[in-house]
Every structure is written in structure tokens, then in C-alpha cells.
Amino acid sequence: MQGRILERVEKLLADYLDNERQAIALAPHVYIPEGLTLAEENDHIAQEIIKVLVDALEARVGRLEPIEYIGGQRRDTLRG
């Protein structure tokens, strides 16, 4: 994705996820404190991502609003 420099949390998420688009979508919902070691940072990021996904699924239950899925990989195009 081009056009602007990623903010700190977006950059950390992009490095972790290896996907800038996902990182930009998740960043407003994630808090990553400064001063963590690399291992602590990775653990914290994993927990934050899980929390955001759980919150999104719980908010979706009983509602009709769509949820945009921006991850994944098409497997049918990868076959033989």
C-alpha cells in the first residue's frame, strides 16, 4: 500500500502480520505500549489481535451489519 507513512502501531502490526492493509484496519482498535522487548511485543500483539477479532465476532452476533474480511488467501488459484 502506498501513499503515506505508517504510524507506529500500524508499522508494528504490519511487521507482525506481513500485511499493511490488515495492519491499517486493525490499528485503531489496538494498543501497543512502548518499551516492550521484542518477545513481549509479539505476545502483546498476538493477544491484541485475538481480542479485536473476538470483539468483532461478539458485536456481530444478532446483527445484520456486514463485517469486511481483508485477510486470507484464495486456495483455488494455487492448485496445480
N, C-alpha and C. Protein backbone atom coordinates (compact mmCIF):
# COMPACT_ATOMS: atom_id res chain seq x y z
N MET A 1 0.85 -1.17 0.00
CA MET A 1 0.00 0.00 0.00
C MET A 1 0.89 1.22 0.00
N GLN A 2 0.61 2.16 -0.85
CA GLN A 2 1.42 3.36 -0.96
C GLN A 2 0.58 4.57 -0.64
N GLY A 3 1.25 5.70 -0.38
CA GLY A 3 0.51 6.92 -0.20
C GLY A 3 0.80 7.64 1.09
N ARG A 4 1.21 6.94 2.13
CA ARG A 4 1.52 7.61 3.38
C ARG A 4 2.43 6.73 4.23
N ILE A 5 3.07 7.37 5.18
CA ILE A 5 3.94 6.64 6.09
C ILE A 5 3.08 6.02 7.19
N LEU A 6 3.35 4.78 7.53
CA LEU A 6 2.59 4.10 8.57
C LEU A 6 2.90 4.68 9.94
N GLU A 7 1.89 4.76 10.77
CA GLU A 7 2.09 5.18 12.16
C GLU A 7 2.72 4.03 12.93
N ARG A 8 3.18 4.29 14.15
CA ARG A 8 3.91 3.30 14.95
C ARG A 8 3.16 1.98 15.09
N VAL A 9 1.91 2.03 15.53
CA VAL A 9 1.13 0.80 15.74
C VAL A 9 0.88 0.10 14.40
N GLU A 10 0.59 0.85 13.37
CA GLU A 10 0.39 0.26 12.05
C GLU A 10 1.65 -0.46 11.59
N LYS A 11 2.81 0.15 11.80
CA LYS A 11 4.08 -0.45 11.40
C LYS A 11 4.34 -1.73 12.18
N LEU A 12 4.12 -1.71 13.49
CA LEU A 12 4.32 -2.91 14.31
C LEU A 12 3.38 -4.04 13.86
N LEU A 13 2.13 -3.69 13.60
CA LEU A 13 1.17 -4.70 13.13
C LEU A 13 1.54 -5.20 11.74
N ALA A 14 1.96 -4.30 10.86
CA ALA A 14 2.36 -4.71 9.51
C ALA A 14 3.55 -5.65 9.54
N ASP A 15 4.51 -5.37 10.41
CA ASP A 15 5.66 -6.27 10.55
C ASP A 15 5.22 -7.63 11.08
N TYR A 16 4.30 -7.63 12.03
CA TYR A 16 3.83 -8.88 12.63
C TYR A 16 2.97 -9.69 11.66
N LEU A 17 2.06 -9.00 10.97
CA LEU A 17 1.11 -9.67 10.07
C LEU A 17 1.64 -9.85 8.66
N ASP A 18 2.65 -9.08 8.30
CA ASP A 18 3.19 -9.06 6.95
C ASP A 18 2.12 -8.62 5.95
N ASN A 19 1.28 -7.67 6.39
CA ASN A 19 0.19 -7.19 5.55
C ASN A 19 -0.20 -5.78 6.00
N GLU A 20 0.12 -4.78 5.19
CA GLU A 20 -0.17 -3.39 5.57
C GLU A 20 -1.67 -3.10 5.62
N ARG A 21 -2.43 -3.65 4.72
CA ARG A 21 -3.87 -3.38 4.69
C ARG A 21 -4.55 -3.88 5.97
N GLN A 22 -4.20 -5.08 6.39
CA GLN A 22 -4.75 -5.61 7.65
C GLN A 22 -4.29 -4.76 8.83
N ALA A 23 -3.03 -4.36 8.81
CA ALA A 23 -2.49 -3.56 9.91
C ALA A 23 -3.22 -2.22 10.04
N ILE A 24 -3.47 -1.56 8.93
CA ILE A 24 -4.16 -0.28 8.96
C ILE A 24 -5.59 -0.45 9.46
N ALA A 25 -6.24 -1.53 9.09
CA ALA A 25 -7.61 -1.79 9.53
C ALA A 25 -7.67 -2.09 11.03
N LEU A 26 -6.67 -2.80 11.55
CA LEU A 26 -6.67 -3.18 12.97
C LEU A 26 -6.14 -2.10 13.89
N ALA A 27 -5.25 -1.26 13.41
CA ALA A 27 -4.55 -0.30 14.26
C ALA A 27 -5.45 0.58 15.15
N PRO A 28 -6.57 1.07 14.67
CA PRO A 28 -7.40 1.91 15.54
C PRO A 28 -7.99 1.16 16.75
N HIS A 29 -7.95 -0.15 16.70
CA HIS A 29 -8.56 -0.96 17.74
C HIS A 29 -7.54 -1.62 18.67
N VAL A 30 -6.26 -1.30 18.47
CA VAL A 30 -5.18 -1.98 19.18
C VAL A 30 -4.33 -0.98 19.94
N TYR A 31 -3.94 -1.36 21.17
CA TYR A 31 -3.00 -0.56 21.95
C TYR A 31 -1.73 -1.38 22.16
N ILE A 32 -0.59 -0.82 21.79
CA ILE A 32 0.69 -1.48 21.99
C ILE A 32 1.58 -0.52 22.77
N PRO A 33 1.84 -0.82 24.04
CA PRO A 33 2.67 0.09 24.84
C PRO A 33 4.12 0.11 24.34
N GLU A 34 4.79 1.20 24.62
CA GLU A 34 6.20 1.32 24.24
C GLU A 34 7.06 0.67 25.33
N GLY A 35 8.30 0.33 24.97
CA GLY A 35 9.24 -0.19 25.95
C GLY A 35 9.20 -1.69 26.16
N LEU A 36 8.47 -2.42 25.33
CA LEU A 36 8.42 -3.87 25.46
C LEU A 36 9.61 -4.49 24.73
N THR A 37 10.05 -5.64 25.22
CA THR A 37 11.06 -6.39 24.47
C THR A 37 10.39 -6.94 23.22
N LEU A 38 11.18 -7.43 22.28
CA LEU A 38 10.61 -7.98 21.05
C LEU A 38 9.67 -9.15 21.35
N ALA A 39 10.07 -10.03 22.26
CA ALA A 39 9.22 -11.17 22.62
C ALA A 39 7.92 -10.70 23.29
N GLU A 40 8.02 -9.74 24.20
CA GLU A 40 6.83 -9.21 24.86
C GLU A 40 5.93 -8.50 23.86
N GLU A 41 6.54 -7.78 22.94
CA GLU A 41 5.79 -7.07 21.91
C GLU A 41 5.01 -8.05 21.04
N ASN A 42 5.67 -9.12 20.59
CA ASN A 42 4.99 -10.13 19.76
C ASN A 42 3.86 -10.80 20.51
N ASP A 43 4.07 -11.14 21.77
CA ASP A 43 3.00 -11.73 22.59
C ASP A 43 1.83 -10.76 22.74
N HIS A 44 2.16 -9.50 23.01
CA HIS A 44 1.13 -8.49 23.21
C HIS A 44 0.32 -8.29 21.92
N ILE A 45 1.02 -8.20 20.80
CA ILE A 45 0.34 -8.02 19.52
C ILE A 45 -0.59 -9.19 19.23
N ALA A 46 -0.12 -10.41 19.46
CA ALA A 46 -0.97 -11.59 19.24
C ALA A 46 -2.23 -11.52 20.10
N GLN A 47 -2.08 -11.17 21.37
CA GLN A 47 -3.24 -11.08 22.26
C GLN A 47 -4.19 -9.96 21.83
N GLU A 48 -3.65 -8.84 21.40
CA GLU A 48 -4.50 -7.74 20.94
C GLU A 48 -5.29 -8.12 19.69
N ILE A 49 -4.65 -8.80 18.76
CA ILE A 49 -5.34 -9.23 17.54
C ILE A 49 -6.46 -10.20 17.87
N ILE A 50 -6.19 -11.14 18.75
CA ILE A 50 -7.23 -12.09 19.17
C ILE A 50 -8.38 -11.35 19.83
N LYS A 51 -8.06 -10.38 20.69
CA LYS A 51 -9.10 -9.61 21.38
C LYS A 51 -9.97 -8.85 20.37
N VAL A 52 -9.35 -8.22 19.39
CA VAL A 52 -10.10 -7.47 18.38
C VAL A 52 -11.02 -8.40 17.58
N LEU A 53 -10.52 -9.56 17.20
CA LEU A 53 -11.34 -10.50 16.43
C LEU A 53 -12.50 -11.04 17.26
N VAL A 54 -12.25 -11.34 18.52
CA VAL A 54 -13.33 -11.80 19.41
C VAL A 54 -14.37 -10.70 19.58
N ASP A 55 -13.92 -9.47 19.82
CA ASP A 55 -14.86 -8.35 19.96
C ASP A 55 -15.70 -8.17 18.70
N ALA A 56 -15.08 -8.31 17.53
CA ALA A 56 -15.82 -8.16 16.27
C ALA A 56 -16.86 -9.25 16.12
N LEU A 57 -16.50 -10.48 16.47
CA LEU A 57 -17.47 -11.58 16.36
C LEU A 57 -18.60 -11.42 17.36
N GLU A 58 -18.29 -11.01 18.58
CA GLU A 58 -19.34 -10.82 19.59
C GLU A 58 -20.27 -9.68 19.21
N ALA A 59 -19.74 -8.62 18.61
CA ALA A 59 -20.57 -7.50 18.18
C ALA A 59 -21.47 -7.90 17.02
N ARG A 60 -21.03 -8.85 16.23
CA ARG A 60 -21.76 -9.30 15.04
C ARG A 60 -22.96 -10.17 15.40
N VAL A 61 -22.89 -10.89 16.51
CA VAL A 61 -23.95 -11.82 16.89
C VAL A 61 -25.27 -11.07 17.04
N GLY A 62 -26.28 -11.52 16.35
CA GLY A 62 -27.61 -10.93 16.45
C GLY A 62 -27.80 -9.67 15.62
N ARG A 63 -26.83 -9.31 14.82
CA ARG A 63 -26.96 -8.11 14.00
C ARG A 63 -26.85 -8.48 12.53
N LEU A 64 -27.23 -7.55 11.69
CA LEU A 64 -27.17 -7.80 10.26
C LEU A 64 -26.10 -6.98 9.56
N GLU A 65 -25.30 -6.19 10.32
CA GLU A 65 -24.26 -5.38 9.69
C GLU A 65 -23.17 -6.29 9.13
N PRO A 66 -22.69 -5.97 7.96
CA PRO A 66 -21.62 -6.79 7.37
C PRO A 66 -20.28 -6.54 8.06
N ILE A 67 -19.44 -7.54 8.04
CA ILE A 67 -18.07 -7.42 8.52
C ILE A 67 -17.17 -7.62 7.31
N GLU A 68 -16.24 -6.70 7.10
CA GLU A 68 -15.33 -6.82 5.97
C GLU A 68 -14.18 -7.73 6.35
N TYR A 69 -13.97 -8.75 5.55
CA TYR A 69 -12.85 -9.67 5.75
C TYR A 69 -11.73 -9.28 4.80
N ILE A 70 -10.56 -8.94 5.35
CA ILE A 70 -9.48 -8.45 4.50
C ILE A 70 -8.24 -9.33 4.59
N GLY A 71 -8.39 -10.54 5.03
CA GLY A 71 -7.25 -11.45 5.12
C GLY A 71 -7.50 -12.67 4.28
N GLY A 72 -6.67 -13.65 4.44
CA GLY A 72 -6.87 -14.92 3.77
C GLY A 72 -6.15 -15.02 2.45
N GLN A 73 -6.31 -16.15 1.87
CA GLN A 73 -5.63 -16.44 0.61
C GLN A 73 -6.50 -17.40 -0.19
N ARG A 74 -6.73 -17.08 -1.45
CA ARG A 74 -7.51 -17.97 -2.30
C ARG A 74 -6.70 -19.23 -2.58
N ARG A 75 -7.25 -20.37 -2.23
CA ARG A 75 -6.54 -21.63 -2.45
C ARG A 75 -6.84 -22.22 -3.82
N ASP A 76 -8.01 -21.90 -4.40
CA ASP A 76 -8.35 -22.49 -5.69
C ASP A 76 -7.42 -22.00 -6.81
N THR A 77 -6.81 -20.83 -6.62
CA THR A 77 -5.90 -20.31 -7.63
C THR A 77 -4.48 -20.86 -7.46
N LEU A 78 -4.23 -21.56 -6.35
CA LEU A 78 -2.90 -22.06 -6.06
C LEU A 78 -2.71 -23.54 -6.46
N ARG A 79 -3.78 -24.14 -6.91
CA ARG A 79 -3.71 -25.56 -7.27
C ARG A 79 -3.01 -25.77 -8.62
N GLY A 80 -2.34 -26.90 -8.71
CA GLY A 80 -1.68 -27.47 -9.80
C GLY A 80 -1.47 -26.91 -11.09
